[in-house]
Amino acid sequence: MDTYHAAYWSSDPFRLSSSEEEEEIPDSRVEFSEANFSLVLKNLQEGDSGLYDAGVSGEENKDVAKYQISVQERVVTPVLTVDSNSTINGNCNVTVTCRGQNTSVTSSCNSSTCSQVGGESRGAETSTVPLLSVYVAGGFIICNHSNQVSWAPNMKEIEMICASNSKPERDKENQNYNVGIIIIIFVDVS
């Protein structure tokens, strides 16, 4: 029968033990309970990610449990910029770029859908890498920046983007119309 003298937790760079022979690395963010051999990590940072081993020691060390801890920071609100827009046969098409934390996605959107045309679509539901997605909902183009612990959207209204594109065309038409009236009036007067 194995006899164990101490319980321990280890992860690079520390090893905490119930044995007085083990050296504890002082860190105010780590608490080891000798009463129940639990480990409490406080104020986690991304650098605390890694494999944590729980075990017992005696004549031989024996691992009891292993935990892979992934610490993620909150994502920042992405930047959504309109690269171009055009209206063809009454349909507004918009090209946008969504940027966040060292990655970007460029998409072509209309009033109902967006399709990626460039950039990286990094990340997945199980990944620790933030994910950028661009889609249309409720009349808005939405850029969503997310990871497993947080999300942050940025959005632009499609009608406003399309209206800003068509306004110069209307102004040109009005100018031509006004010039036409002036010419007609001039002809009628002479």
C-alpha atoms as a PDB file:
ATOM      1  CA  MET A   1       0.000   0.000   0.000  1.00  0.00           C
ATOM      2  CA  ASP A   2       1.317   3.420  -0.950  1.00  0.00           C
ATOM      3  CA  THR A   3       1.885   5.992   1.755  1.00  0.00           C
ATOM      4  CA  TYR A   4       1.661   9.633   0.808  1.00  0.00           C
ATOM      5  CA  HIS A   5       3.200  12.436   2.827  1.00  0.00           C
ATOM      6  CA  ALA A   6       1.973  15.527   1.054  1.00  0.00           C
ATOM      7  CA  ALA A   7      -0.466  16.910  -1.484  1.00  0.00           C
ATOM      8  CA  TYR A   8       0.743  19.377  -4.089  1.00  0.00           C
ATOM      9  CA  TRP A   9      -0.266  21.627  -6.965  1.00  0.00           C
ATOM     10  CA  SER A  10       2.203  22.489  -9.663  1.00  0.00           C
ATOM     11  CA  SER A  11       2.286  24.606 -12.755  1.00  0.00           C
ATOM     12  CA  ASP A  12       5.130  26.448 -14.376  1.00  0.00           C
ATOM     13  CA  PRO A  13       6.621  28.374 -12.533  1.00  0.00           C
ATOM     14  CA  PHE A  14       5.421  27.186  -9.106  1.00  0.00           C
ATOM     15  CA  ARG A  15       4.906  24.124  -6.924  1.00  0.00           C
ATOM     16  CA  LEU A  16       2.809  24.467  -3.783  1.00  0.00           C
ATOM     17  CA  SER A  17       2.695  21.660  -1.265  1.00  0.00           C
ATOM     18  CA  SER A  18       1.329  20.688   2.121  1.00  0.00           C
ATOM     19  CA  SER A  19       4.807  19.411   2.963  1.00  0.00           C
ATOM     20  CA  GLU A  20       7.040  21.810   4.853  1.00  0.00           C
ATOM     21  CA  GLU A  21       9.970  20.475   2.827  1.00  0.00           C
ATOM     22  CA  GLU A  22       8.587  22.049  -0.352  1.00  0.00           C
ATOM     23  CA  GLU A  23       9.388  25.673  -1.012  1.00  0.00           C
ATOM     24  CA  GLU A  24       6.394  27.855  -1.732  1.00  0.00           C
ATOM     25  CA  ILE A  25       6.800  30.632  -4.247  1.00  0.00           C
ATOM     26  CA  PRO A  26       5.288  33.753  -2.691  1.00  0.00           C
ATOM     27  CA  ASP A  27       2.517  35.121  -4.866  1.00  0.00           C
ATOM     28  CA  SER A  28      -0.381  37.033  -3.353  1.00  0.00           C
ATOM     29  CA  ARG A  29      -2.592  35.819  -6.224  1.00  0.00           C
ATOM     30  CA  VAL A  30      -2.217  32.126  -5.291  1.00  0.00           C
ATOM     31  CA  GLU A  31      -3.682  30.466  -2.205  1.00  0.00           C
ATOM     32  CA  PHE A  32      -3.079  26.834  -1.273  1.00  0.00           C
ATOM     33  CA  SER A  33      -5.255  25.314   1.441  1.00  0.00           C
ATOM     34  CA  GLU A  34      -3.569  22.622   3.498  1.00  0.00           C
ATOM     35  CA  ALA A  35      -6.948  21.790   5.046  1.00  0.00           C
ATOM     36  CA  ASN A  36      -8.561  20.537   1.817  1.00  0.00           C
ATOM     37  CA  PHE A  37      -5.618  20.834  -0.637  1.00  0.00           C
ATOM     38  CA  SER A  38      -7.478  23.263  -2.879  1.00  0.00           C
ATOM     39  CA  LEU A  39      -5.825  25.915  -4.998  1.00  0.00           C
ATOM     40  CA  VAL A  40      -7.343  29.394  -5.439  1.00  0.00           C
ATOM     41  CA  LEU A  41      -6.029  31.656  -8.196  1.00  0.00           C
ATOM     42  CA  LYS A  42      -6.910  35.352  -7.949  1.00  0.00           C
ATOM     43  CA  ASN A  43      -6.792  38.217 -10.466  1.00  0.00           C
ATOM     44  CA  LEU A  44      -5.988  35.872 -13.327  1.00  0.00           C
ATOM     45  CA  GLN A  45      -3.952  37.114 -16.275  1.00  0.00           C
ATOM     46  CA  GLU A  46      -3.346  35.551 -19.683  1.00  0.00           C
ATOM     47  CA  GLY A  47       0.129  34.484 -18.472  1.00  0.00           C
ATOM     48  CA  ASP A  48      -1.535  32.252 -15.860  1.00  0.00           C
ATOM     49  CA  SER A  49      -2.827  29.966 -18.632  1.00  0.00           C
ATOM     50  CA  GLY A  50      -1.356  26.491 -18.634  1.00  0.00           C
ATOM     51  CA  LEU A  51      -1.536  22.996 -17.245  1.00  0.00           C
ATOM     52  CA  TYR A  52      -2.138  22.705 -13.486  1.00  0.00           C
ATOM     53  CA  ASP A  53      -1.348  19.343 -11.852  1.00  0.00           C
ATOM     54  CA  ALA A  54      -2.711  18.156  -8.514  1.00  0.00           C
ATOM     55  CA  GLY A  55      -0.995  15.228  -6.905  1.00  0.00           C
ATOM     56  CA  VAL A  56       0.295  13.455  -3.867  1.00  0.00           C
ATOM     57  CA  SER A  57       3.883  12.661  -2.983  1.00  0.00           C
ATOM     58  CA  GLY A  58       5.451   9.903  -0.947  1.00  0.00           C
ATOM     59  CA  GLU A  59       7.818   7.205  -2.123  1.00  0.00           C
ATOM     60  CA  GLU A  60       6.646   8.218  -5.598  1.00  0.00           C
ATOM     61  CA  ASN A  61       4.702  11.196  -6.889  1.00  0.00           C
ATOM     62  CA  LYS A  62       1.234  10.420  -8.197  1.00  0.00           C
ATOM     63  CA  ASP A  63      -0.884  12.818 -10.256  1.00  0.00           C
ATOM     64  CA  VAL A  64      -4.479  12.951  -9.050  1.00  0.00           C
ATOM     65  CA  ALA A  65      -5.867  15.511 -11.509  1.00  0.00           C
ATOM     66  CA  LYS A  66      -4.766  17.749 -14.349  1.00  0.00           C
ATOM     67  CA  TYR A  67      -6.520  20.959 -15.383  1.00  0.00           C
ATOM     68  CA  GLN A  68      -5.821  22.972 -18.511  1.00  0.00           C
ATOM     69  CA  ILE A  69      -6.591  26.605 -17.648  1.00  0.00           C
ATOM     70  CA  SER A  70      -7.108  29.176 -20.409  1.00  0.00           C
ATOM     71  CA  VAL A  71      -7.322  32.776 -19.272  1.00  0.00           C
ATOM     72  CA  GLN A  72      -8.752  35.301 -21.714  1.00  0.00           C
ATOM     73  CA  GLU A  73      -9.039  39.052 -21.463  1.00  0.00           C
ATOM     74  CA  ARG A  74     -12.186  40.912 -22.515  1.00  0.00           C
ATOM     75  CA  VAL A  75     -12.204  41.816 -26.191  1.00  0.00           C
ATOM     76  CA  VAL A  76     -12.116  45.450 -27.244  1.00  0.00           C
ATOM     77  CA  THR A  77     -14.864  47.077 -29.311  1.00  0.00           C
ATOM     78  CA  PRO A  78     -13.979  46.539 -32.975  1.00  0.00           C
ATOM     79  CA  VAL A  79     -13.522  49.308 -35.527  1.00  0.00           C
ATOM     80  CA  LEU A  80     -16.012  49.107 -38.414  1.00  0.00           C
ATOM     81  CA  THR A  81     -15.184  51.227 -41.461  1.00  0.00           C
ATOM     82  CA  VAL A  82     -17.038  51.647 -44.756  1.00  0.00           C
ATOM     83  CA  ASP A  83     -14.576  51.106 -47.609  1.00  0.00           C
ATOM     84  CA  SER A  84     -17.016  51.735 -50.453  1.00  0.00           C
ATOM     85  CA  ASN A  85     -20.692  51.712 -51.337  1.00  0.00           C
ATOM     86  CA  SER A  86     -22.699  51.767 -54.521  1.00  0.00           C
ATOM     87  CA  THR A  87     -26.336  51.561 -55.536  1.00  0.00           C
ATOM     88  CA  ILE A  88     -27.180  49.487 -58.598  1.00  0.00           C
ATOM     89  CA  ASN A  89     -30.808  49.045 -59.701  1.00  0.00           C
ATOM     90  CA  GLY A  90     -31.967  50.314 -56.298  1.00  0.00           C
ATOM     91  CA  ASN A  91     -29.844  47.789 -54.387  1.00  0.00           C
ATOM     92  CA  CYS A  92     -27.189  49.231 -52.072  1.00  0.00           C
ATOM     93  CA  ASN A  93     -23.922  47.278 -51.856  1.00  0.00           C
ATOM     94  CA  VAL A  94     -21.432  48.160 -49.124  1.00  0.00           C
ATOM     95  CA  THR A  95     -17.871  46.966 -48.549  1.00  0.00           C
ATOM     96  CA  VAL A  96     -16.775  47.195 -44.909  1.00  0.00           C
ATOM     97  CA  THR A  97     -13.690  46.281 -42.898  1.00  0.00           C
ATOM     98  CA  CYS A  98     -13.947  45.113 -39.300  1.00  0.00           C
ATOM     99  CA  ARG A  99     -10.751  45.379 -37.204  1.00  0.00           C
ATOM    100  CA  GLY A 100      -9.963  44.114 -33.724  1.00  0.00           C
ATOM    101  CA  GLN A 101      -6.928  42.899 -31.774  1.00  0.00           C
ATOM    102  CA  ASN A 102      -4.436  42.303 -34.604  1.00  0.00           C
ATOM    103  CA  THR A 103      -6.899  40.846 -37.099  1.00  0.00           C
ATOM    104  CA  SER A 104      -9.342  42.164 -39.682  1.00  0.00           C
ATOM    105  CA  VAL A 105     -12.126  40.967 -41.968  1.00  0.00           C
ATOM    106  CA  THR A 106     -13.374  42.679 -45.138  1.00  0.00           C
ATOM    107  CA  SER A 107     -16.932  41.894 -46.221  1.00  0.00           C
ATOM    108  CA  SER A 108     -19.320  42.853 -49.006  1.00  0.00           C
ATOM    109  CA  CYS A 109     -22.850  43.465 -47.699  1.00  0.00           C
ATOM    110  CA  ASN A 110     -26.313  44.272 -48.996  1.00  0.00           C
ATOM    111  CA  SER A 111     -29.581  44.762 -47.117  1.00  0.00           C
ATOM    112  CA  SER A 112     -29.858  41.074 -46.194  1.00  0.00           C
ATOM    113  CA  THR A 113     -26.432  39.414 -46.072  1.00  0.00           C
ATOM    114  CA  CYS A 114     -22.649  39.827 -45.901  1.00  0.00           C
ATOM    115  CA  SER A 115     -19.950  37.753 -47.588  1.00  0.00           C
ATOM    116  CA  GLN A 116     -16.302  37.794 -46.585  1.00  0.00           C
ATOM    117  CA  VAL A 117     -14.046  39.077 -49.378  1.00  0.00           C
ATOM    118  CA  GLY A 118     -10.726  39.480 -47.580  1.00  0.00           C
ATOM    119  CA  GLY A 119      -8.782  39.403 -44.352  1.00  0.00           C
ATOM    120  CA  GLU A 120      -8.527  36.690 -41.768  1.00  0.00           C
ATOM    121  CA  SER A 121     -11.494  34.961 -40.219  1.00  0.00           C
ATOM    122  CA  ARG A 122      -9.533  33.695 -37.250  1.00  0.00           C
ATOM    123  CA  GLY A 123     -10.938  31.966 -34.243  1.00  0.00           C
ATOM    124  CA  ALA A 124     -13.606  29.442 -33.420  1.00  0.00           C
ATOM    125  CA  GLU A 125     -15.895  28.659 -30.506  1.00  0.00           C
ATOM    126  CA  THR A 126     -13.259  26.491 -28.828  1.00  0.00           C
ATOM    127  CA  SER A 127     -10.301  28.687 -29.650  1.00  0.00           C
ATOM    128  CA  THR A 128      -8.605  31.219 -27.395  1.00  0.00           C
ATOM    129  CA  VAL A 129      -8.110  33.488 -30.414  1.00  0.00           C
ATOM    130  CA  PRO A 130     -10.706  36.277 -30.725  1.00  0.00           C
ATOM    131  CA  LEU A 131     -13.214  35.900 -33.555  1.00  0.00           C
ATOM    132  CA  LEU A 132     -14.431  38.689 -35.859  1.00  0.00           C
ATOM    133  CA  SER A 133     -17.742  38.249 -37.666  1.00  0.00           C
ATOM    134  CA  VAL A 134     -19.668  40.614 -39.941  1.00  0.00           C
ATOM    135  CA  TYR A 135     -23.383  40.169 -40.625  1.00  0.00           C
ATOM    136  CA  VAL A 136     -26.623  42.049 -41.328  1.00  0.00           C
ATOM    137  CA  ALA A 137     -29.474  42.231 -38.801  1.00  0.00           C
ATOM    138  CA  GLY A 138     -32.322  44.700 -38.297  1.00  0.00           C
ATOM    139  CA  GLY A 139     -31.118  47.085 -41.001  1.00  0.00           C
ATOM    140  CA  PHE A 140     -27.594  47.289 -39.555  1.00  0.00           C
ATOM    141  CA  ILE A 141     -24.226  45.936 -40.635  1.00  0.00           C
ATOM    142  CA  ILE A 142     -22.795  44.503 -37.426  1.00  0.00           C
ATOM    143  CA  CYS A 143     -19.170  43.704 -36.672  1.00  0.00           C
ATOM    144  CA  ASN A 144     -18.887  41.430 -33.636  1.00  0.00           C
ATOM    145  CA  HIS A 145     -15.579  40.814 -31.843  1.00  0.00           C
ATOM    146  CA  SER A 146     -15.767  37.889 -29.424  1.00  0.00           C
ATOM    147  CA  ASN A 147     -13.934  35.209 -27.511  1.00  0.00           C
ATOM    148  CA  GLN A 148     -15.124  32.612 -24.995  1.00  0.00           C
ATOM    149  CA  VAL A 149     -15.657  35.173 -22.214  1.00  0.00           C
ATOM    150  CA  SER A 150     -16.848  38.387 -23.855  1.00  0.00           C
ATOM    151  CA  TRP A 151     -18.148  40.051 -26.993  1.00  0.00           C
ATOM    152  CA  ALA A 152     -18.253  43.622 -28.282  1.00  0.00           C
ATOM    153  CA  PRO A 153     -20.218  44.815 -31.339  1.00  0.00           C
ATOM    154  CA  ASN A 154     -19.956  47.861 -33.570  1.00  0.00           C
ATOM    155  CA  MET A 155     -22.638  48.643 -36.132  1.00  0.00           C
ATOM    156  CA  LYS A 156     -23.632  50.993 -38.934  1.00  0.00           C
ATOM    157  CA  GLU A 157     -27.124  51.535 -40.337  1.00  0.00           C
ATOM    158  CA  ILE A 158     -27.358  50.431 -43.975  1.00  0.00           C
ATOM    159  CA  GLU A 159     -29.889  53.143 -44.928  1.00  0.00           C
ATOM    160  CA  MET A 160     -27.584  55.878 -43.634  1.00  0.00           C
ATOM    161  CA  ILE A 161     -24.617  54.482 -45.590  1.00  0.00           C
ATOM    162  CA  CYS A 162     -26.686  54.174 -48.775  1.00  0.00           C
ATOM    163  CA  ALA A 163     -28.279  57.623 -48.305  1.00  0.00           C
ATOM    164  CA  SER A 164     -24.851  59.240 -48.039  1.00  0.00           C
ATOM    165  CA  ASN A 165     -23.908  57.581 -51.328  1.00  0.00           C
ATOM    166  CA  SER A 166     -27.032  58.637 -53.225  1.00  0.00           C
ATOM    167  CA  LYS A 167     -27.181  62.228 -51.958  1.00  0.00           C
ATOM    168  CA  PRO A 168     -24.459  63.563 -54.280  1.00  0.00           C
ATOM    169  CA  GLU A 169     -26.337  62.043 -57.257  1.00  0.00           C
ATOM    170  CA  ARG A 170     -29.554  63.822 -56.209  1.00  0.00           C
ATOM    171  CA  ASP A 171     -27.688  67.104 -55.810  1.00  0.00           C
ATOM    172  CA  LYS A 172     -26.270  66.755 -59.331  1.00  0.00           C
ATOM    173  CA  GLU A 173     -29.745  66.074 -60.717  1.00  0.00           C
ATOM    174  CA  ASN A 174     -31.139  69.131 -58.902  1.00  0.00           C
ATOM    175  CA  GLN A 175     -28.324  71.304 -60.256  1.00  0.00           C
ATOM    176  CA  ASN A 176     -29.039  70.150 -63.801  1.00  0.00           C
ATOM    177  CA  TYR A 177     -32.757  70.766 -63.291  1.00  0.00           C
ATOM    178  CA  ASN A 178     -32.150  74.289 -61.954  1.00  0.00           C
ATOM    179  CA  VAL A 179     -29.862  75.101 -64.852  1.00  0.00           C
ATOM    180  CA  GLY A 180     -32.542  73.793 -67.236  1.00  0.00           C
ATOM    181  CA  ILE A 181     -35.154  76.101 -65.695  1.00  0.00           C
ATOM    182  CA  ILE A 182     -32.867  79.086 -65.968  1.00  0.00           C
ATOM    183  CA  ILE A 183     -32.253  78.343 -69.620  1.00  0.00           C
ATOM    184  CA  ILE A 184     -35.963  77.897 -70.304  1.00  0.00           C
ATOM    185  CA  ILE A 185     -36.817  81.162 -68.547  1.00  0.00           C
ATOM    186  CA  PHE A 186     -34.095  82.959 -70.460  1.00  0.00           C
ATOM    187  CA  VAL A 187     -35.482  81.642 -73.739  1.00  0.00           C
ATOM    188  CA  ASP A 188     -39.038  82.710 -72.826  1.00  0.00           C
ATOM    189  CA  VAL A 189     -37.916  86.257 -71.904  1.00  0.00           C
ATOM    190  CA  SER A 190     -36.086  86.997 -75.150  1.00  0.00           C
END
